[in-house]
Amino acid sequence: MRNLKRVVLALFVLLLVLATLAFVLENQQSVSLLFLGWAGPQLPVSLFLVLALLIGMVIGPLLGWFLEHTSRASRKRHV
């Protein structure tokens, strides 16, 4: 059963990597993002989106850890 979970997880990661690679290869047009009057450098669309994906993959677990940590601290204070 544990091996099946590992295989499914490996397949999921492989599909995610392949989908990301296909996206990067298909979106090589250079764009410049404008945000609050600040213009970024001309970079491929795929780079902006892959960076957003990676930042989200880091911030999501950190936010989950922080919320769990604060809820545990809150429960300890109320006991």
PDB file of N, CA and C in Angstrom:
ATOM      1  N   MET A   1       0.832  -1.201   0.000  1.00  0.00           N
ATOM      2  CA  MET A   1       0.000   0.000   0.000  1.00  0.00           C
ATOM      3  C   MET A   1       0.872   1.258   0.000  1.00  0.00           C
ATOM      4  N   ARG A   2       1.965   1.195   0.788  1.00  0.00           N
ATOM      5  CA  ARG A   2       2.840   2.350   0.856  1.00  0.00           C
ATOM      6  C   ARG A   2       3.533   2.583  -0.484  1.00  0.00           C
ATOM      7  N   ASN A   3       3.884   1.493  -1.170  1.00  0.00           N
ATOM      8  CA  ASN A   3       4.511   1.626  -2.485  1.00  0.00           C
ATOM      9  C   ASN A   3       3.558   2.230  -3.501  1.00  0.00           C
ATOM     10  N   LEU A   4       2.273   1.887  -3.413  1.00  0.00           N
ATOM     11  CA  LEU A   4       1.279   2.458  -4.318  1.00  0.00           C
ATOM     12  C   LEU A   4       1.181   3.968  -4.116  1.00  0.00           C
ATOM     13  N   LYS A   5       1.199   4.414  -2.879  1.00  0.00           N
ATOM     14  CA  LYS A   5       1.148   5.856  -2.595  1.00  0.00           C
ATOM     15  C   LYS A   5       2.371   6.560  -3.161  1.00  0.00           C
ATOM     16  N   ARG A   6       3.531   5.926  -3.031  1.00  0.00           N
ATOM     17  CA  ARG A   6       4.752   6.525  -3.574  1.00  0.00           C
ATOM     18  C   ARG A   6       4.690   6.617  -5.093  1.00  0.00           C
ATOM     19  N   VAL A   7       4.175   5.597  -5.736  1.00  0.00           N
ATOM     20  CA  VAL A   7       4.067   5.603  -7.198  1.00  0.00           C
ATOM     21  C   VAL A   7       3.096   6.686  -7.647  1.00  0.00           C
ATOM     22  N   VAL A   8       1.961   6.790  -6.977  1.00  0.00           N
ATOM     23  CA  VAL A   8       0.968   7.819  -7.336  1.00  0.00           C
ATOM     24  C   VAL A   8       1.554   9.208  -7.120  1.00  0.00           C
ATOM     25  N   LEU A   9       2.260   9.416  -6.015  1.00  0.00           N
ATOM     26  CA  LEU A   9       2.886  10.712  -5.750  1.00  0.00           C
ATOM     27  C   LEU A   9       3.955  11.019  -6.797  1.00  0.00           C
ATOM     28  N   ALA A  10       4.761  10.031  -7.159  1.00  0.00           N
ATOM     29  CA  ALA A  10       5.797  10.228  -8.178  1.00  0.00           C
ATOM     30  C   ALA A  10       5.171  10.572  -9.524  1.00  0.00           C
ATOM     31  N   LEU A  11       4.090   9.897  -9.885  1.00  0.00           N
ATOM     32  CA  LEU A  11       3.401  10.200 -11.143  1.00  0.00           C
ATOM     33  C   LEU A  11       2.824  11.611 -11.132  1.00  0.00           C
ATOM     34  N   PHE A  12       2.256  12.007 -10.014  1.00  0.00           N
ATOM     35  CA  PHE A  12       1.695  13.354  -9.892  1.00  0.00           C
ATOM     36  C   PHE A  12       2.786  14.407 -10.047  1.00  0.00           C
ATOM     37  N   VAL A  13       3.917  14.210  -9.383  1.00  0.00           N
ATOM     38  CA  VAL A  13       5.026  15.162  -9.481  1.00  0.00           C
ATOM     39  C   VAL A  13       5.560  15.188 -10.909  1.00  0.00           C
ATOM     40  N   LEU A  14       5.694  14.033 -11.540  1.00  0.00           N
ATOM     41  CA  LEU A  14       6.168  13.965 -12.917  1.00  0.00           C
ATOM     42  C   LEU A  14       5.221  14.707 -13.860  1.00  0.00           C
ATOM     43  N   LEU A  15       3.912  14.515 -13.687  1.00  0.00           N
ATOM     44  CA  LEU A  15       2.939  15.237 -14.521  1.00  0.00           C
ATOM     45  C   LEU A  15       3.013  16.739 -14.292  1.00  0.00           C
ATOM     46  N   LEU A  16       3.204  17.158 -13.052  1.00  0.00           N
ATOM     47  CA  LEU A  16       3.328  18.585 -12.747  1.00  0.00           C
ATOM     48  C   LEU A  16       4.569  19.169 -13.411  1.00  0.00           C
ATOM     49  N   VAL A  17       5.676  18.452 -13.346  1.00  0.00           N
ATOM     50  CA  VAL A  17       6.914  18.914 -13.984  1.00  0.00           C
ATOM     51  C   VAL A  17       6.748  18.976 -15.497  1.00  0.00           C
ATOM     52  N   LEU A  18       6.144  17.965 -16.083  1.00  0.00           N
ATOM     53  CA  LEU A  18       5.938  17.959 -17.541  1.00  0.00           C
ATOM     54  C   LEU A  18       4.998  19.079 -17.978  1.00  0.00           C
ATOM     55  N   ALA A  19       3.944  19.315 -17.219  1.00  0.00           N
ATOM     56  CA  ALA A  19       3.018  20.398 -17.558  1.00  0.00           C
ATOM     57  C   ALA A  19       3.711  21.758 -17.443  1.00  0.00           C
ATOM     58  N   THR A  20       4.532  21.920 -16.421  1.00  0.00           N
ATOM     59  CA  THR A  20       5.271  23.170 -16.258  1.00  0.00           C
ATOM     60  C   THR A  20       6.266  23.359 -17.392  1.00  0.00           C
ATOM     61  N   LEU A  21       6.961  22.298 -17.772  1.00  0.00           N
ATOM     62  CA  LEU A  21       7.920  22.370 -18.879  1.00  0.00           C
ATOM     63  C   LEU A  21       7.214  22.718 -20.187  1.00  0.00           C
ATOM     64  N   ALA A  22       6.089  22.090 -20.454  1.00  0.00           N
ATOM     65  CA  ALA A  22       5.334  22.402 -21.675  1.00  0.00           C
ATOM     66  C   ALA A  22       4.874  23.858 -21.661  1.00  0.00           C
ATOM     67  N   PHE A  23       4.430  24.344 -20.509  1.00  0.00           N
ATOM     68  CA  PHE A  23       3.992  25.729 -20.391  1.00  0.00           C
ATOM     69  C   PHE A  23       5.144  26.685 -20.668  1.00  0.00           C
ATOM     70  N   VAL A  24       6.313  26.384 -20.094  1.00  0.00           N
ATOM     71  CA  VAL A  24       7.482  27.243 -20.294  1.00  0.00           C
ATOM     72  C   VAL A  24       7.884  27.283 -21.763  1.00  0.00           C
ATOM     73  N   LEU A  25       7.872  26.122 -22.405  1.00  0.00           N
ATOM     74  CA  LEU A  25       8.282  26.082 -23.803  1.00  0.00           C
ATOM     75  C   LEU A  25       7.299  26.783 -24.731  1.00  0.00           C
ATOM     76  N   GLU A  26       6.035  26.838 -24.361  1.00  0.00           N
ATOM     77  CA  GLU A  26       5.015  27.461 -25.201  1.00  0.00           C
ATOM     78  C   GLU A  26       4.854  28.958 -24.956  1.00  0.00           C
ATOM     79  N   ASN A  27       5.395  29.476 -23.870  1.00  0.00           N
ATOM     80  CA  ASN A  27       5.178  30.884 -23.506  1.00  0.00           C
ATOM     81  C   ASN A  27       6.501  31.618 -23.359  1.00  0.00           C
ATOM     82  N   GLN A  28       7.168  31.845 -24.467  1.00  0.00           N
ATOM     83  CA  GLN A  28       8.461  32.516 -24.450  1.00  0.00           C
ATOM     84  C   GLN A  28       8.382  34.001 -24.830  1.00  0.00           C
ATOM     85  N   GLN A  29       7.172  34.545 -25.003  1.00  0.00           N
ATOM     86  CA  GLN A  29       7.027  35.945 -25.363  1.00  0.00           C
ATOM     87  C   GLN A  29       7.503  36.812 -24.195  1.00  0.00           C
ATOM     88  N   SER A  30       8.263  37.853 -24.502  1.00  0.00           N
ATOM     89  CA  SER A  30       8.738  38.766 -23.463  1.00  0.00           C
ATOM     90  C   SER A  30       7.686  39.812 -23.155  1.00  0.00           C
ATOM     91  N   VAL A  31       7.494  40.048 -21.874  1.00  0.00           N
ATOM     92  CA  VAL A  31       6.558  41.078 -21.413  1.00  0.00           C
ATOM     93  C   VAL A  31       7.210  41.835 -20.272  1.00  0.00           C
ATOM     94  N   SER A  32       6.688  43.012 -20.014  1.00  0.00           N
ATOM     95  CA  SER A  32       7.122  43.800 -18.878  1.00  0.00           C
ATOM     96  C   SER A  32       5.901  44.057 -18.008  1.00  0.00           C
ATOM     97  N   LEU A  33       5.948  43.646 -16.757  1.00  0.00           N
ATOM     98  CA  LEU A  33       4.816  43.862 -15.864  1.00  0.00           C
ATOM     99  C   LEU A  33       4.873  45.264 -15.269  1.00  0.00           C
ATOM    100  N   LEU A  34       3.710  45.887 -15.146  1.00  0.00           N
ATOM    101  CA  LEU A  34       3.601  47.214 -14.558  1.00  0.00           C
ATOM    102  C   LEU A  34       2.742  47.088 -13.308  1.00  0.00           C
ATOM    103  N   PHE A  35       3.297  47.478 -12.160  1.00  0.00           N
ATOM    104  CA  PHE A  35       2.574  47.350 -10.892  1.00  0.00           C
ATOM    105  C   PHE A  35       2.839  48.588 -10.054  1.00  0.00           C
ATOM    106  N   LEU A  36       1.788  49.343  -9.754  1.00  0.00           N
ATOM    107  CA  LEU A  36       1.869  50.565  -8.949  1.00  0.00           C
ATOM    108  C   LEU A  36       2.929  51.532  -9.465  1.00  0.00           C
ATOM    109  N   GLY A  37       2.988  51.671 -10.777  1.00  0.00           N
ATOM    110  CA  GLY A  37       3.931  52.594 -11.388  1.00  0.00           C
ATOM    111  C   GLY A  37       5.331  52.035 -11.569  1.00  0.00           C
ATOM    112  N   TRP A  38       5.591  50.855 -11.062  1.00  0.00           N
ATOM    113  CA  TRP A  38       6.913  50.233 -11.214  1.00  0.00           C
ATOM    114  C   TRP A  38       6.856  49.266 -12.377  1.00  0.00           C
ATOM    115  N   ALA A  39       7.745  49.450 -13.335  1.00  0.00           N
ATOM    116  CA  ALA A  39       7.805  48.565 -14.505  1.00  0.00           C
ATOM    117  C   ALA A  39       8.942  47.579 -14.318  1.00  0.00           C
ATOM    118  N   GLY A  40       8.620  46.307 -14.424  1.00  0.00           N
ATOM    119  CA  GLY A  40       9.634  45.267 -14.297  1.00  0.00           C
ATOM    120  C   GLY A  40      10.408  45.092 -15.592  1.00  0.00           C
ATOM    121  N   PRO A  41      11.460  44.295 -15.543  1.00  0.00           N
ATOM    122  CA  PRO A  41      12.243  44.048 -16.759  1.00  0.00           C
ATOM    123  C   PRO A  41      11.475  43.181 -17.750  1.00  0.00           C
ATOM    124  N   GLN A  42      11.912  43.215 -18.996  1.00  0.00           N
ATOM    125  CA  GLN A  42      11.291  42.384 -20.030  1.00  0.00           C
ATOM    126  C   GLN A  42      11.760  40.945 -19.839  1.00  0.00           C
ATOM    127  N   LEU A  43      10.846  40.078 -19.429  1.00  0.00           N
ATOM    128  CA  LEU A  43      11.134  38.668 -19.216  1.00  0.00           C
ATOM    129  C   LEU A  43      10.035  37.831 -19.853  1.00  0.00           C
ATOM    130  N   PRO A  44      10.302  36.552 -20.131  1.00  0.00           N
ATOM    131  CA  PRO A  44       9.251  35.697 -20.694  1.00  0.00           C
ATOM    132  C   PRO A  44       8.065  35.542 -19.733  1.00  0.00           C
ATOM    133  N   VAL A  45       6.881  35.418 -20.305  1.00  0.00           N
ATOM    134  CA  VAL A  45       5.662  35.229 -19.514  1.00  0.00           C
ATOM    135  C   VAL A  45       5.805  34.024 -18.600  1.00  0.00           C
ATOM    136  N   SER A  46       6.379  32.969 -19.125  1.00  0.00           N
ATOM    137  CA  SER A  46       6.501  31.736 -18.348  1.00  0.00           C
ATOM    138  C   SER A  46       7.346  31.932 -17.098  1.00  0.00           C
ATOM    139  N   LEU A  47       8.357  32.786 -17.165  1.00  0.00           N
ATOM    140  CA  LEU A  47       9.200  33.012 -15.988  1.00  0.00           C
ATOM    141  C   LEU A  47       8.399  33.657 -14.864  1.00  0.00           C
ATOM    142  N   PHE A  48       7.581  34.650 -15.197  1.00  0.00           N
ATOM    143  CA  PHE A  48       6.751  35.291 -14.181  1.00  0.00           C
ATOM    144  C   PHE A  48       5.797  34.281 -13.529  1.00  0.00           C
ATOM    145  N   LEU A  49       5.182  33.442 -14.345  1.00  0.00           N
ATOM    146  CA  LEU A  49       4.207  32.497 -13.806  1.00  0.00           C
ATOM    147  C   LEU A  49       4.860  31.352 -13.031  1.00  0.00           C
ATOM    148  N   VAL A  50       6.005  30.879 -13.477  1.00  0.00           N
ATOM    149  CA  VAL A  50       6.705  29.829 -12.728  1.00  0.00           C
ATOM    150  C   VAL A  50       7.205  30.391 -11.395  1.00  0.00           C
ATOM    151  N   LEU A  51       7.692  31.630 -11.387  1.00  0.00           N
ATOM    152  CA  LEU A  51       8.093  32.251 -10.117  1.00  0.00           C
ATOM    153  C   LEU A  51       6.898  32.383  -9.169  1.00  0.00           C
ATOM    154  N   ALA A  52       5.744  32.758  -9.701  1.00  0.00           N
ATOM    155  CA  ALA A  52       4.546  32.845  -8.872  1.00  0.00           C
ATOM    156  C   ALA A  52       4.169  31.471  -8.320  1.00  0.00           C
ATOM    157  N   LEU A  53       4.304  30.435  -9.128  1.00  0.00           N
ATOM    158  CA  LEU A  53       4.028  29.072  -8.676  1.00  0.00           C
ATOM    159  C   LEU A  53       4.974  28.677  -7.549  1.00  0.00           C
ATOM    160  N   LEU A  54       6.263  28.924  -7.718  1.00  0.00           N
ATOM    161  CA  LEU A  54       7.244  28.555  -6.699  1.00  0.00           C
ATOM    162  C   LEU A  54       7.054  29.350  -5.411  1.00  0.00           C
ATOM    163  N   ILE A  55       6.761  30.629  -5.529  1.00  0.00           N
ATOM    164  CA  ILE A  55       6.521  31.447  -4.342  1.00  0.00           C
ATOM    165  C   ILE A  55       5.283  30.944  -3.610  1.00  0.00           C
ATOM    166  N   GLY A  56       4.244  30.577  -4.341  1.00  0.00           N
ATOM    167  CA  GLY A  56       3.046  30.018  -3.718  1.00  0.00           C
ATOM    168  C   GLY A  56       3.311  28.696  -3.038  1.00  0.00           C
ATOM    169  N   MET A  57       4.197  27.879  -3.628  1.00  0.00           N
ATOM    170  CA  MET A  57       4.526  26.594  -3.018  1.00  0.00           C
ATOM    171  C   MET A  57       5.330  26.777  -1.734  1.00  0.00           C
ATOM    172  N   VAL A  58       5.996  27.903  -1.578  1.00  0.00           N
ATOM    173  CA  VAL A  58       6.731  28.189  -0.341  1.00  0.00           C
ATOM    174  C   VAL A  58       5.819  28.860   0.682  1.00  0.00           C
ATOM    175  N   ILE A  59       5.037  29.829   0.247  1.00  0.00           N
ATOM    176  CA  ILE A  59       4.192  30.589   1.167  1.00  0.00           C
ATOM    177  C   ILE A  59       3.045  29.741   1.726  1.00  0.00           C
ATOM    178  N   GLY A  60       2.474  28.863   0.918  1.00  0.00           N
ATOM    179  CA  GLY A  60       1.354  28.037   1.378  1.00  0.00           C
ATOM    180  C   GLY A  60       1.679  27.214   2.615  1.00  0.00           C
ATOM    181  N   PRO A  61       2.713  26.377   2.582  1.00  0.00           N
ATOM    182  CA  PRO A  61       3.062  25.607   3.781  1.00  0.00           C
ATOM    183  C   PRO A  61       3.492  26.487   4.952  1.00  0.00           C
ATOM    184  N   LEU A  62       4.199  27.583   4.678  1.00  0.00           N
ATOM    185  CA  LEU A  62       4.597  28.472   5.770  1.00  0.00           C
ATOM    186  C   LEU A  62       3.373  29.097   6.440  1.00  0.00           C
ATOM    187  N   LEU A  63       2.400  29.479   5.652  1.00  0.00           N
ATOM    188  CA  LEU A  63       1.174  30.051   6.204  1.00  0.00           C
ATOM    189  C   LEU A  63       0.415  29.006   7.012  1.00  0.00           C
ATOM    190  N   GLY A  64       0.354  27.767   6.510  1.00  0.00           N
ATOM    191  CA  GLY A  64      -0.292  26.692   7.256  1.00  0.00           C
ATOM    192  C   GLY A  64       0.404  26.418   8.575  1.00  0.00           C
ATOM    193  N   TRP A  65       1.738  26.391   8.561  1.00  0.00           N
ATOM    194  CA  TRP A  65       2.494  26.182   9.794  1.00  0.00           C
ATOM    195  C   TRP A  65       2.246  27.322  10.774  1.00  0.00           C
ATOM    196  N   PHE A  66       2.260  28.558  10.281  1.00  0.00           N
ATOM    197  CA  PHE A  66       2.055  29.714  11.151  1.00  0.00           C
ATOM    198  C   PHE A  66       0.670  29.693  11.779  1.00  0.00           C
ATOM    199  N   LEU A  67      -0.355  29.384  11.000  1.00  0.00           N
ATOM    200  CA  LEU A  67      -1.714  29.349  11.538  1.00  0.00           C
ATOM    201  C   LEU A  67      -1.875  28.235  12.569  1.00  0.00           C
ATOM    202  N   GLU A  68      -1.274  27.084  12.315  1.00  0.00           N
ATOM    203  CA  GLU A  68      -1.339  25.994  13.282  1.00  0.00           C
ATOM    204  C   GLU A  68      -0.584  26.356  14.560  1.00  0.00           C
ATOM    205  N   HIS A  69       0.556  26.996  14.409  1.00  0.00           N
ATOM    206  CA  HIS A  69       1.366  27.398  15.561  1.00  0.00           C
ATOM    207  C   HIS A  69       0.611  28.415  16.418  1.00  0.00           C
ATOM    208  N   THR A  70      -0.037  29.390  15.776  1.00  0.00           N
ATOM    209  CA  THR A  70      -0.763  30.397  16.545  1.00  0.00           C
ATOM    210  C   THR A  70      -2.015  29.803  17.192  1.00  0.00           C
ATOM    211  N   SER A  71      -2.670  28.847  16.540  1.00  0.00           N
ATOM    212  CA  SER A  71      -3.851  28.240  17.157  1.00  0.00           C
ATOM    213  C   SER A  71      -3.461  27.367  18.343  1.00  0.00           C
ATOM    214  N   ARG A  72      -2.307  26.702  18.271  1.00  0.00           N
ATOM    215  CA  ARG A  72      -1.834  25.914  19.421  1.00  0.00           C
ATOM    216  C   ARG A  72      -1.504  26.824  20.594  1.00  0.00           C
ATOM    217  N   ALA A  73      -0.853  27.949  20.293  1.00  0.00           N
ATOM    218  CA  ALA A  73      -0.510  28.893  21.359  1.00  0.00           C
ATOM    219  C   ALA A  73      -1.772  29.475  21.975  1.00  0.00           C
ATOM    220  N   SER A  74      -2.769  29.725  21.152  1.00  0.00           N
ATOM    221  CA  SER A  74      -4.030  30.273  21.653  1.00  0.00           C
ATOM    222  C   SER A  74      -4.740  29.260  22.552  1.00  0.00           C
ATOM    223  N   ARG A  75      -4.716  27.978  22.154  1.00  0.00           N
ATOM    224  CA  ARG A  75      -5.349  26.938  22.963  1.00  0.00           C
ATOM    225  C   ARG A  75      -4.625  26.768  24.302  1.00  0.00           C
ATOM    226  N   LYS A  76      -3.318  26.889  24.312  1.00  0.00           N
ATOM    227  CA  LYS A  76      -2.550  26.753  25.560  1.00  0.00           C
ATOM    228  C   LYS A  76      -2.883  27.885  26.520  1.00  0.00           C
ATOM    229  N   ARG A  77      -3.096  29.088  26.016  1.00  0.00           N
ATOM    230  CA  ARG A  77      -3.421  30.233  26.871  1.00  0.00           C
ATOM    231  C   ARG A  77      -4.809  30.106  27.477  1.00  0.00           C
ATOM    232  N   HIS A  78      -5.750  29.475  26.774  1.00  0.00           N
ATOM    233  CA  HIS A  78      -7.113  29.381  27.254  1.00  0.00           C
ATOM    234  C   HIS A  78      -7.332  28.203  28.200  1.00  0.00           C
ATOM    235  N   VAL A  79      -6.353  27.346  28.343  1.00  0.00           N
ATOM    236  CA  VAL A  79      -6.525  26.168  29.213  1.00  0.00           C
ATOM    237  C   VAL A  79      -6.093  26.471  30.604  1.00  0.00           C
TER     238      VAL A  79
END
